[in-house]
Every structure is written in C-alpha cells, then in structure tokens.
Amino acid sequence: MNDKLKNITREDFMNFFRDDEKLSTLSADDRIEIFLQILPGGSDITEDLLNKLISDYQVADLEVSQVK
C-alpha cells in the first residue's frame, strides 16, 4: 500500500463515498470488491439487511429466508 493511502481518514473516505462524481470513477468490479469486504463480520449480515438491499436495488424474484 503506498504512503498516500495510509493517510486516508474516515472523513476522507466518507466524503469520497458520498460524492456521486467521485464514486462514479469506481468500476463495477471495484464496487463489488468494496461491497464484499466492508462488513466486519458475519453477524452484520442479517435478514433485515438483505431484505433492505433487495428492496433498495429493486431486485425481483428473490426472497431471503432465515433458517434457524
């Protein structure tokens, strides 16, 4: 990792993330990589979170079911 990236603060990252113009510089692969790595652990992936994701992206014909 180069020295410039080591100094990115949370504020810098969030400002980038919230800027549509800057965010548009990321490829679809970049976005998938971030999406797959961003949550700290499996306990963060919940039925409610997945249902919100499906709803936000207007995904049809997909249902989340929780097996206990």
C-alpha atoms as a PDB file:
ATOM      1  CA  MET A   1       0.000   0.000   0.000  1.00  0.00           C
ATOM      2  CA  ASN A   2       1.526   3.349  -0.891  1.00  0.00           C
ATOM      3  CA  ASP A   3       2.115   6.054   1.758  1.00  0.00           C
ATOM      4  CA  LYS A   4      -0.618   8.320   0.385  1.00  0.00           C
ATOM      5  CA  LEU A   5      -3.284   5.655   1.004  1.00  0.00           C
ATOM      6  CA  LYS A   6      -2.087   5.048   4.568  1.00  0.00           C
ATOM      7  CA  ASN A   7      -3.158   8.588   5.482  1.00  0.00           C
ATOM      8  CA  ILE A   8      -6.775   8.441   4.289  1.00  0.00           C
ATOM      9  CA  THR A   9      -9.004   9.333   7.191  1.00  0.00           C
ATOM     10  CA  ARG A  10     -12.514   8.145   7.836  1.00  0.00           C
ATOM     11  CA  GLU A  11     -13.704  11.628   6.861  1.00  0.00           C
ATOM     12  CA  ASP A  12     -11.793  11.459   3.551  1.00  0.00           C
ATOM     13  CA  PHE A  13     -13.285   8.053   2.770  1.00  0.00           C
ATOM     14  CA  MET A  14     -16.846   9.088   3.645  1.00  0.00           C
ATOM     15  CA  ASN A  15     -16.537  12.320   1.629  1.00  0.00           C
ATOM     16  CA  PHE A  16     -15.432  10.258  -1.375  1.00  0.00           C
ATOM     17  CA  PHE A  17     -18.206   7.724  -0.821  1.00  0.00           C
ATOM     18  CA  ARG A  18     -20.880  10.440  -0.604  1.00  0.00           C
ATOM     19  CA  ASP A  19     -19.694  12.298  -3.728  1.00  0.00           C
ATOM     20  CA  ASP A  20     -21.530  10.868  -6.746  1.00  0.00           C
ATOM     21  CA  GLU A  21     -18.977  12.278  -9.191  1.00  0.00           C
ATOM     22  CA  LYS A  22     -16.036  10.676  -7.372  1.00  0.00           C
ATOM     23  CA  LEU A  23     -17.926   7.458  -6.746  1.00  0.00           C
ATOM     24  CA  SER A  24     -18.622   7.174 -10.469  1.00  0.00           C
ATOM     25  CA  THR A  25     -14.863   6.770 -11.040  1.00  0.00           C
ATOM     26  CA  LEU A  26     -15.061   3.293  -9.486  1.00  0.00           C
ATOM     27  CA  SER A  27     -15.637   0.362 -11.798  1.00  0.00           C
ATOM     28  CA  ALA A  28     -18.334  -2.217 -11.172  1.00  0.00           C
ATOM     29  CA  ASP A  29     -15.580  -4.619 -10.065  1.00  0.00           C
ATOM     30  CA  ASP A  30     -14.243  -2.005  -7.611  1.00  0.00           C
ATOM     31  CA  ARG A  31     -17.714  -1.592  -6.132  1.00  0.00           C
ATOM     32  CA  ILE A  32     -18.218  -5.352  -5.810  1.00  0.00           C
ATOM     33  CA  GLU A  33     -14.844  -5.697  -4.082  1.00  0.00           C
ATOM     34  CA  ILE A  34     -15.761  -2.959  -1.588  1.00  0.00           C
ATOM     35  CA  PHE A  35     -19.231  -4.434  -1.041  1.00  0.00           C
ATOM     36  CA  LEU A  36     -17.820  -7.893  -0.318  1.00  0.00           C
ATOM     37  CA  GLN A  37     -15.187  -6.609   2.118  1.00  0.00           C
ATOM     38  CA  ILE A  38     -16.856  -3.755   4.010  1.00  0.00           C
ATOM     39  CA  LEU A  39     -18.804  -5.538   6.766  1.00  0.00           C
ATOM     40  CA  PRO A  40     -16.635  -6.552   9.722  1.00  0.00           C
ATOM     41  CA  GLY A  41     -18.248  -9.917  10.382  1.00  0.00           C
ATOM     42  CA  GLY A  42     -20.922 -12.442   9.596  1.00  0.00           C
ATOM     43  CA  SER A  43     -23.111 -11.222  12.438  1.00  0.00           C
ATOM     44  CA  ASP A  44     -23.600  -7.969  10.493  1.00  0.00           C
ATOM     45  CA  ILE A  45     -25.378  -9.802   7.689  1.00  0.00           C
ATOM     46  CA  THR A  46     -28.978 -10.095   8.773  1.00  0.00           C
ATOM     47  CA  GLU A  47     -32.267 -10.967   7.140  1.00  0.00           C
ATOM     48  CA  ASP A  48     -33.380  -7.334   7.570  1.00  0.00           C
ATOM     49  CA  LEU A  49     -30.200  -6.015   5.939  1.00  0.00           C
ATOM     50  CA  LEU A  50     -30.525  -8.353   2.970  1.00  0.00           C
ATOM     51  CA  ASN A  51     -34.208  -7.502   2.531  1.00  0.00           C
ATOM     52  CA  LYS A  52     -33.346  -3.773   2.588  1.00  0.00           C
ATOM     53  CA  LEU A  53     -30.626  -4.362  -0.010  1.00  0.00           C
ATOM     54  CA  ILE A  54     -33.037  -6.266  -2.253  1.00  0.00           C
ATOM     55  CA  SER A  55     -35.619  -3.514  -1.851  1.00  0.00           C
ATOM     56  CA  ASP A  56     -33.151  -0.660  -2.456  1.00  0.00           C
ATOM     57  CA  TYR A  57     -31.962  -2.263  -5.685  1.00  0.00           C
ATOM     58  CA  GLN A  58     -35.470  -3.281  -6.731  1.00  0.00           C
ATOM     59  CA  VAL A  59     -34.481  -6.903  -7.204  1.00  0.00           C
ATOM     60  CA  ALA A  60     -37.459  -9.003  -8.293  1.00  0.00           C
ATOM     61  CA  ASP A  61     -37.998 -12.718  -7.765  1.00  0.00           C
ATOM     62  CA  LEU A  62     -35.566 -13.040  -4.882  1.00  0.00           C
ATOM     63  CA  GLU A  63     -36.565 -13.818  -1.325  1.00  0.00           C
ATOM     64  CA  VAL A  64     -34.480 -14.047   1.822  1.00  0.00           C
ATOM     65  CA  SER A  65     -35.413 -16.764   4.266  1.00  0.00           C
ATOM     66  CA  GLN A  66     -33.705 -17.412   7.540  1.00  0.00           C
ATOM     67  CA  VAL A  67     -33.017 -20.994   8.601  1.00  0.00           C
ATOM     68  CA  LYS A  68     -32.578 -21.440  12.327  1.00  0.00           C
END
